[in-house]
């Protein structure tokens, strides 16, 4: 009885880690999409500032991707 309860708890913990990694990935994808869309709007409004806007867009996307990678790695390490 106790053994099956422990297995169920471990299975739920692994499920939670998997769901957490999935949510982190979806959040990063939505965030990067929003960054790209906003950058394209800004470039359409001020074409002369294209270089600065693209640089900031790439840096911000890298930071968001880094946070998502950290969240996925943390979930992967918790699975065991």
PDB file of N, CA and C in Angstrom:
ATOM      1  N   UNK A   1       0.829  -1.200   0.000  1.00  0.00           N
ATOM      2  CA  UNK A   1       0.000   0.000   0.000  1.00  0.00           C
ATOM      3  C   UNK A   1       0.870   1.260   0.000  1.00  0.00           C
ATOM      4  N   UNK A   2       1.853   1.292   0.885  1.00  0.00           N
ATOM      5  CA  UNK A   2       2.726   2.454   0.987  1.00  0.00           C
ATOM      6  C   UNK A   2       3.576   2.586  -0.264  1.00  0.00           C
ATOM      7  N   UNK A   3       4.021   1.438  -0.793  1.00  0.00           N
ATOM      8  CA  UNK A   3       4.853   1.447  -1.997  1.00  0.00           C
ATOM      9  C   UNK A   3       4.089   2.004  -3.195  1.00  0.00           C
ATOM     10  N   UNK A   4       2.844   1.608  -3.345  1.00  0.00           N
ATOM     11  CA  UNK A   4       2.052   2.106  -4.468  1.00  0.00           C
ATOM     12  C   UNK A   4       1.745   3.600  -4.304  1.00  0.00           C
ATOM     13  N   UNK A   5       1.597   4.060  -3.086  1.00  0.00           N
ATOM     14  CA  UNK A   5       1.380   5.481  -2.839  1.00  0.00           C
ATOM     15  C   UNK A   5       2.612   6.295  -3.207  1.00  0.00           C
ATOM     16  N   UNK A   6       3.798   5.754  -2.865  1.00  0.00           N
ATOM     17  CA  UNK A   6       5.039   6.435  -3.219  1.00  0.00           C
ATOM     18  C   UNK A   6       5.244   6.475  -4.730  1.00  0.00           C
ATOM     19  N   UNK A   7       4.906   5.386  -5.412  1.00  0.00           N
ATOM     20  CA  UNK A   7       5.021   5.366  -6.868  1.00  0.00           C
ATOM     21  C   UNK A   7       4.060   6.363  -7.514  1.00  0.00           C
ATOM     22  N   UNK A   8       2.866   6.461  -6.962  1.00  0.00           N
ATOM     23  CA  UNK A   8       1.896   7.412  -7.498  1.00  0.00           C
ATOM     24  C   UNK A   8       2.375   8.845  -7.277  1.00  0.00           C
ATOM     25  N   UNK A   9       2.936   9.121  -6.116  1.00  0.00           N
ATOM     26  CA  UNK A   9       3.433  10.465  -5.829  1.00  0.00           C
ATOM     27  C   UNK A   9       4.603  10.809  -6.741  1.00  0.00           C
ATOM     28  N   UNK A  10       5.498   9.846  -6.988  1.00  0.00           N
ATOM     29  CA  UNK A  10       6.633  10.085  -7.877  1.00  0.00           C
ATOM     30  C   UNK A  10       6.150  10.295  -9.307  1.00  0.00           C
ATOM     31  N   UNK A  11       5.149   9.540  -9.708  1.00  0.00           N
ATOM     32  CA  UNK A  11       4.593   9.722 -11.052  1.00  0.00           C
ATOM     33  C   UNK A  11       3.950  11.085 -11.227  1.00  0.00           C
ATOM     34  N   UNK A  12       3.244  11.542 -10.209  1.00  0.00           N
ATOM     35  CA  UNK A  12       2.640  12.867 -10.287  1.00  0.00           C
ATOM     36  C   UNK A  12       3.695  13.964 -10.304  1.00  0.00           C
ATOM     37  N   UNK A  13       4.789  13.754  -9.582  1.00  0.00           N
ATOM     38  CA  UNK A  13       5.879  14.731  -9.594  1.00  0.00           C
ATOM     39  C   UNK A  13       6.502  14.812 -10.985  1.00  0.00           C
ATOM     40  N   UNK A  14       6.697  13.667 -11.626  1.00  0.00           N
ATOM     41  CA  UNK A  14       7.247  13.660 -12.977  1.00  0.00           C
ATOM     42  C   UNK A  14       6.281  14.298 -13.971  1.00  0.00           C
ATOM     43  N   UNK A  15       5.003  14.058 -13.795  1.00  0.00           N
ATOM     44  CA  UNK A  15       4.001  14.695 -14.648  1.00  0.00           C
ATOM     45  C   UNK A  15       4.038  16.209 -14.479  1.00  0.00           C
ATOM     46  N   UNK A  16       4.170  16.670 -13.245  1.00  0.00           N
ATOM     47  CA  UNK A  16       4.256  18.106 -12.990  1.00  0.00           C
ATOM     48  C   UNK A  16       5.490  18.728 -13.616  1.00  0.00           C
ATOM     49  N   UNK A  17       6.607  18.018 -13.569  1.00  0.00           N
ATOM     50  CA  UNK A  17       7.834  18.523 -14.205  1.00  0.00           C
ATOM     51  C   UNK A  17       7.656  18.624 -15.712  1.00  0.00           C
ATOM     52  N   UNK A  18       7.043  17.623 -16.298  1.00  0.00           N
ATOM     53  CA  UNK A  18       6.793  17.656 -17.741  1.00  0.00           C
ATOM     54  C   UNK A  18       5.852  18.786 -18.134  1.00  0.00           C
ATOM     55  N   UNK A  19       4.811  18.962 -17.366  1.00  0.00           N
ATOM     56  CA  UNK A  19       3.877  20.064 -17.648  1.00  0.00           C
ATOM     57  C   UNK A  19       4.548  21.420 -17.460  1.00  0.00           C
ATOM     58  N   UNK A  20       5.386  21.535 -16.449  1.00  0.00           N
ATOM     59  CA  UNK A  20       6.108  22.790 -16.219  1.00  0.00           C
ATOM     60  C   UNK A  20       7.028  23.129 -17.379  1.00  0.00           C
ATOM     61  N   UNK A  21       7.733  22.121 -17.895  1.00  0.00           N
ATOM     62  CA  UNK A  21       8.607  22.347 -19.043  1.00  0.00           C
ATOM     63  C   UNK A  21       7.804  22.749 -20.266  1.00  0.00           C
ATOM     64  N   UNK A  22       6.663  22.123 -20.461  1.00  0.00           N
ATOM     65  CA  UNK A  22       5.808  22.470 -21.594  1.00  0.00           C
ATOM     66  C   UNK A  22       5.265  23.884 -21.499  1.00  0.00           C
ATOM     67  N   UNK A  23       4.837  24.270 -20.326  1.00  0.00           N
ATOM     68  CA  UNK A  23       4.309  25.622 -20.133  1.00  0.00           C
ATOM     69  C   UNK A  23       5.411  26.660 -20.330  1.00  0.00           C
ATOM     70  N   UNK A  24       6.617  26.357 -19.854  1.00  0.00           N
ATOM     71  CA  UNK A  24       7.740  27.278 -20.056  1.00  0.00           C
ATOM     72  C   UNK A  24       8.043  27.450 -21.538  1.00  0.00           C
ATOM     73  N   UNK A  25       7.978  26.366 -22.288  1.00  0.00           N
ATOM     74  CA  UNK A  25       8.234  26.427 -23.727  1.00  0.00           C
ATOM     75  C   UNK A  25       7.158  27.228 -24.448  1.00  0.00           C
ATOM     76  N   UNK A  26       5.911  26.996 -24.101  1.00  0.00           N
ATOM     77  CA  UNK A  26       4.818  27.743 -24.725  1.00  0.00           C
ATOM     78  C   UNK A  26       4.923  29.228 -24.390  1.00  0.00           C
ATOM     79  N   UNK A  27       5.228  29.535 -23.141  1.00  0.00           N
ATOM     80  CA  UNK A  27       5.374  30.936 -22.730  1.00  0.00           C
ATOM     81  C   UNK A  27       6.497  31.632 -23.470  1.00  0.00           C
ATOM     82  N   UNK A  28       7.613  30.935 -23.646  1.00  0.00           N
ATOM     83  CA  UNK A  28       8.735  31.525 -24.381  1.00  0.00           C
ATOM     84  C   UNK A  28       8.366  31.761 -25.842  1.00  0.00           C
ATOM     85  N   UNK A  29       7.673  30.809 -26.432  1.00  0.00           N
ATOM     86  CA  UNK A  29       7.258  30.978 -27.823  1.00  0.00           C
ATOM     87  C   UNK A  29       6.314  32.156 -28.001  1.00  0.00           C
ATOM     88  N   UNK A  30       5.371  32.288 -27.103  1.00  0.00           N
ATOM     89  CA  UNK A  30       4.449  33.425 -27.175  1.00  0.00           C
ATOM     90  C   UNK A  30       5.177  34.747 -26.950  1.00  0.00           C
ATOM     91  N   UNK A  31       6.106  34.753 -26.008  1.00  0.00           N
ATOM     92  CA  UNK A  31       6.857  35.970 -25.723  1.00  0.00           C
ATOM     93  C   UNK A  31       7.722  36.406 -26.891  1.00  0.00           C
ATOM     94  N   UNK A  32       8.410  35.452 -27.511  1.00  0.00           N
ATOM     95  CA  UNK A  32       9.266  35.786 -28.646  1.00  0.00           C
ATOM     96  C   UNK A  32       8.417  36.226 -29.838  1.00  0.00           C
ATOM     97  N   UNK A  33       7.259  35.611 -30.012  1.00  0.00           N
ATOM     98  CA  UNK A  33       6.349  36.045 -31.074  1.00  0.00           C
ATOM     99  C   UNK A  33       5.863  37.475 -30.868  1.00  0.00           C
ATOM    100  N   UNK A  34       5.557  37.806 -29.624  1.00  0.00           N
ATOM    101  CA  UNK A  34       5.132  39.172 -29.299  1.00  0.00           C
ATOM    102  C   UNK A  34       6.265  40.169 -29.535  1.00  0.00           C
ATOM    103  N   UNK A  35       7.483  39.778 -29.171  1.00  0.00           N
ATOM    104  CA  UNK A  35       8.642  40.649 -29.389  1.00  0.00           C
ATOM    105  C   UNK A  35       8.831  40.903 -30.888  1.00  0.00           C
ATOM    106  N   UNK A  36       8.770  39.827 -31.683  1.00  0.00           N
ATOM    107  CA  UNK A  36       8.946  39.971 -33.131  1.00  0.00           C
ATOM    108  C   UNK A  36       7.865  40.826 -33.767  1.00  0.00           C
ATOM    109  N   UNK A  37       6.621  40.610 -33.354  1.00  0.00           N
ATOM    110  CA  UNK A  37       5.522  41.410 -33.902  1.00  0.00           C
ATOM    111  C   UNK A  37       5.637  42.877 -33.554  1.00  0.00           C
ATOM    112  N   UNK A  38       6.003  43.153 -32.318  1.00  0.00           N
ATOM    113  CA  UNK A  38       6.164  44.545 -31.898  1.00  0.00           C
ATOM    114  C   UNK A  38       7.338  45.209 -32.612  1.00  0.00           C
ATOM    115  N   UNK A  39       8.400  44.439 -32.837  1.00  0.00           N
ATOM    116  CA  UNK A  39       9.547  44.997 -33.561  1.00  0.00           C
ATOM    117  C   UNK A  39       9.174  45.332 -35.003  1.00  0.00           C
ATOM    118  N   UNK A  40       8.396  44.476 -35.636  1.00  0.00           N
ATOM    119  CA  UNK A  40       7.977  44.755 -37.014  1.00  0.00           C
ATOM    120  C   UNK A  40       7.073  45.991 -37.082  1.00  0.00           C
ATOM    121  N   UNK A  41       6.208  46.152 -36.083  1.00  0.00           N
ATOM    122  CA  UNK A  41       5.382  47.364 -36.021  1.00  0.00           C
ATOM    123  C   UNK A  41       6.251  48.607 -35.859  1.00  0.00           C
ATOM    124  N   UNK A  42       7.262  48.515 -34.992  1.00  0.00           N
ATOM    125  CA  UNK A  42       8.148  49.659 -34.767  1.00  0.00           C
ATOM    126  C   UNK A  42       8.952  49.988 -36.018  1.00  0.00           C
ATOM    127  N   UNK A  43       9.405  48.964 -36.741  1.00  0.00           N
ATOM    128  CA  UNK A  43      10.161  49.198 -37.978  1.00  0.00           C
ATOM    129  C   UNK A  43       9.256  49.814 -39.041  1.00  0.00           C
ATOM    130  N   UNK A  44       8.002  49.405 -39.064  1.00  0.00           N
ATOM    131  CA  UNK A  44       7.064  49.983 -40.034  1.00  0.00           C
ATOM    132  C   UNK A  44       6.820  51.464 -39.736  1.00  0.00           C
ATOM    133  N   UNK A  45       6.834  51.829 -38.465  1.00  0.00           N
ATOM    134  CA  UNK A  45       6.615  53.223 -38.093  1.00  0.00           C
ATOM    135  C   UNK A  45       7.855  54.080 -38.311  1.00  0.00           C
ATOM    136  N   UNK A  46       9.038  53.517 -38.019  1.00  0.00           N
ATOM    137  CA  UNK A  46      10.292  54.270 -38.144  1.00  0.00           C
ATOM    138  C   UNK A  46      11.337  53.411 -38.866  1.00  0.00           C
ATOM    139  N   UNK A  47      11.292  53.395 -40.177  1.00  0.00           N
ATOM    140  CA  UNK A  47      12.234  52.554 -40.930  1.00  0.00           C
ATOM    141  C   UNK A  47      13.695  52.950 -40.729  1.00  0.00           C
ATOM    142  N   UNK A  48      13.966  54.186 -40.393  1.00  0.00           N
ATOM    143  CA  UNK A  48      15.351  54.626 -40.216  1.00  0.00           C
ATOM    144  C   UNK A  48      15.989  54.051 -38.951  1.00  0.00           C
ATOM    145  N   UNK A  49      15.196  53.552 -38.037  1.00  0.00           N
ATOM    146  CA  UNK A  49      15.717  52.986 -36.787  1.00  0.00           C
ATOM    147  C   UNK A  49      15.770  51.457 -36.837  1.00  0.00           C
ATOM    148  N   UNK A  50      15.808  50.887 -38.026  1.00  0.00           N
ATOM    149  CA  UNK A  50      15.751  49.433 -38.184  1.00  0.00           C
ATOM    150  C   UNK A  50      16.885  48.724 -37.447  1.00  0.00           C
ATOM    151  N   UNK A  51      18.097  49.220 -37.561  1.00  0.00           N
ATOM    152  CA  UNK A  51      19.246  48.570 -36.930  1.00  0.00           C
ATOM    153  C   UNK A  51      19.130  48.497 -35.424  1.00  0.00           C
ATOM    154  N   UNK A  52      18.753  49.600 -34.800  1.00  0.00           N
ATOM    155  CA  UNK A  52      18.625  49.624 -33.341  1.00  0.00           C
ATOM    156  C   UNK A  52      17.477  48.722 -32.872  1.00  0.00           C
ATOM    157  N   UNK A  53      16.381  48.746 -33.614  1.00  0.00           N
ATOM    158  CA  UNK A  53      15.221  47.934 -33.230  1.00  0.00           C
ATOM    159  C   UNK A  53      15.553  46.450 -33.340  1.00  0.00           C
ATOM    160  N   UNK A  54      16.213  46.064 -34.441  1.00  0.00           N
ATOM    161  CA  UNK A  54      16.564  44.655 -34.613  1.00  0.00           C
ATOM    162  C   UNK A  54      17.551  44.186 -33.550  1.00  0.00           C
ATOM    163  N   UNK A  55      18.502  45.034 -33.202  1.00  0.00           N
ATOM    164  CA  UNK A  55      19.471  44.670 -32.162  1.00  0.00           C
ATOM    165  C   UNK A  55      18.771  44.431 -30.834  1.00  0.00           C
ATOM    166  N   UNK A  56      17.880  45.337 -30.476  1.00  0.00           N
ATOM    167  CA  UNK A  56      17.146  45.178 -29.220  1.00  0.00           C
ATOM    168  C   UNK A  56      16.222  43.964 -29.265  1.00  0.00           C
ATOM    169  N   UNK A  57      15.625  43.703 -30.417  1.00  0.00           N
ATOM    170  CA  UNK A  57      14.741  42.554 -30.557  1.00  0.00           C
ATOM    171  C   UNK A  57      15.527  41.256 -30.360  1.00  0.00           C
ATOM    172  N   UNK A  58      16.695  41.162 -30.968  1.00  0.00           N
ATOM    173  CA  UNK A  58      17.497  39.947 -30.857  1.00  0.00           C
ATOM    174  C   UNK A  58      17.975  39.745 -29.423  1.00  0.00           C
ATOM    175  N   UNK A  59      18.417  40.808 -28.764  1.00  0.00           N
ATOM    176  CA  UNK A  59      18.854  40.693 -27.368  1.00  0.00           C
ATOM    177  C   UNK A  59      17.712  40.258 -26.447  1.00  0.00           C
ATOM    178  N   UNK A  60      16.562  40.871 -26.611  1.00  0.00           N
ATOM    179  CA  UNK A  60      15.422  40.528 -25.767  1.00  0.00           C
ATOM    180  C   UNK A  60      14.971  39.095 -26.022  1.00  0.00           C
ATOM    181  N   UNK A  61      14.963  38.679 -27.275  1.00  0.00           N
ATOM    182  CA  UNK A  61      14.594  37.296 -27.586  1.00  0.00           C
ATOM    183  C   UNK A  61      15.580  36.314 -26.967  1.00  0.00           C
ATOM    184  N   UNK A  62      16.851  36.650 -26.980  1.00  0.00           N
ATOM    185  CA  UNK A  62      17.856  35.776 -26.371  1.00  0.00           C
ATOM    186  C   UNK A  62      17.650  35.671 -24.862  1.00  0.00           C
ATOM    187  N   UNK A  63      17.300  36.771 -24.215  1.00  0.00           N
ATOM    188  CA  UNK A  63      17.051  36.731 -22.775  1.00  0.00           C
ATOM    189  C   UNK A  63      15.826  35.879 -22.449  1.00  0.00           C
ATOM    190  N   UNK A  64      14.771  36.018 -23.242  1.00  0.00           N
ATOM    191  CA  UNK A  64      13.565  35.215 -23.019  1.00  0.00           C
ATOM    192  C   UNK A  64      13.883  33.738 -23.243  1.00  0.00           C
ATOM    193  N   UNK A  65      14.627  33.436 -24.291  1.00  0.00           N
ATOM    194  CA  UNK A  65      14.994  32.053 -24.582  1.00  0.00           C
ATOM    195  C   UNK A  65      15.886  31.484 -23.487  1.00  0.00           C
ATOM    196  N   UNK A  66      16.772  32.306 -22.931  1.00  0.00           N
ATOM    197  CA  UNK A  66      17.617  31.852 -21.830  1.00  0.00           C
ATOM    198  C   UNK A  66      16.807  31.508 -20.595  1.00  0.00           C
ATOM    199  N   UNK A  67      15.819  32.326 -20.280  1.00  0.00           N
ATOM    200  CA  UNK A  67      14.947  32.035 -19.133  1.00  0.00           C
ATOM    201  C   UNK A  67      14.164  30.752 -19.353  1.00  0.00           C
ATOM    202  N   UNK A  68      13.675  30.558 -20.568  1.00  0.00           N
ATOM    203  CA  UNK A  68      12.928  29.341 -20.886  1.00  0.00           C
ATOM    204  C   UNK A  68      13.832  28.113 -20.793  1.00  0.00           C
ATOM    205  N   UNK A  69      15.056  28.226 -21.281  1.00  0.00           N
ATOM    206  CA  UNK A  69      15.991  27.110 -21.206  1.00  0.00           C
ATOM    207  C   UNK A  69      16.314  26.769 -19.759  1.00  0.00           C
ATOM    208  N   UNK A  70      16.465  27.787 -18.932  1.00  0.00           N
ATOM    209  CA  UNK A  70      16.717  27.555 -17.508  1.00  0.00           C
ATOM    210  C   UNK A  70      15.530  26.832 -16.865  1.00  0.00           C
ATOM    211  N   UNK A  71      14.309  27.235 -17.207  1.00  0.00           N
ATOM    212  CA  UNK A  71      13.114  26.590 -16.640  1.00  0.00           C
ATOM    213  C   UNK A  71      13.016  25.136 -17.094  1.00  0.00           C
ATOM    214  N   UNK A  72      13.320  24.881 -18.349  1.00  0.00           N
ATOM    215  CA  UNK A  72      13.267  23.505 -18.862  1.00  0.00           C
ATOM    216  C   UNK A  72      14.334  22.656 -18.194  1.00  0.00           C
ATOM    217  N   UNK A  73      15.531  23.204 -18.038  1.00  0.00           N
ATOM    218  CA  UNK A  73      16.616  22.454 -17.378  1.00  0.00           C
ATOM    219  C   UNK A  73      16.254  22.159 -15.915  1.00  0.00           C
ATOM    220  N   UNK A  74      15.663  23.122 -15.239  1.00  0.00           N
ATOM    221  CA  UNK A  74      15.264  22.896 -13.844  1.00  0.00           C
ATOM    222  C   UNK A  74      14.219  21.790 -13.765  1.00  0.00           C
ATOM    223  N   UNK A  75      13.275  21.786 -14.683  1.00  0.00           N
ATOM    224  CA  UNK A  75      12.263  20.719 -14.701  1.00  0.00           C
ATOM    225  C   UNK A  75      12.902  19.368 -15.014  1.00  0.00           C
ATOM    226  N   UNK A  76      13.856  19.357 -15.925  1.00  0.00           N
ATOM    227  CA  UNK A  76      14.516  18.099 -16.284  1.00  0.00           C
ATOM    228  C   UNK A  76      15.320  17.535 -15.105  1.00  0.00           C
ATOM    229  N   UNK A  77      15.963  18.398 -14.331  1.00  0.00           N
ATOM    230  CA  UNK A  77      16.736  17.929 -13.191  1.00  0.00           C
ATOM    231  C   UNK A  77      15.834  17.437 -12.066  1.00  0.00           C
ATOM    232  N   UNK A  78      14.625  17.955 -11.983  1.00  0.00           N
ATOM    233  CA  UNK A  78      13.700  17.522 -10.932  1.00  0.00           C
ATOM    234  C   UNK A  78      13.076  16.169 -11.232  1.00  0.00           C
ATOM    235  N   UNK A  79      13.071  15.770 -12.500  1.00  0.00           N
ATOM    236  CA  UNK A  79      12.457  14.491 -12.852  1.00  0.00           C
ATOM    237  C   UNK A  79      13.255  13.317 -12.275  1.00  0.00           C
ATOM    238  N   UNK A  80      14.546  13.438 -12.203  1.00  0.00           N
ATOM    239  CA  UNK A  80      15.496  12.435 -11.686  1.00  0.00           C
ATOM    240  C   UNK A  80      15.892  11.535 -12.793  1.00  0.00           C
TER     241      UNK A  80
END
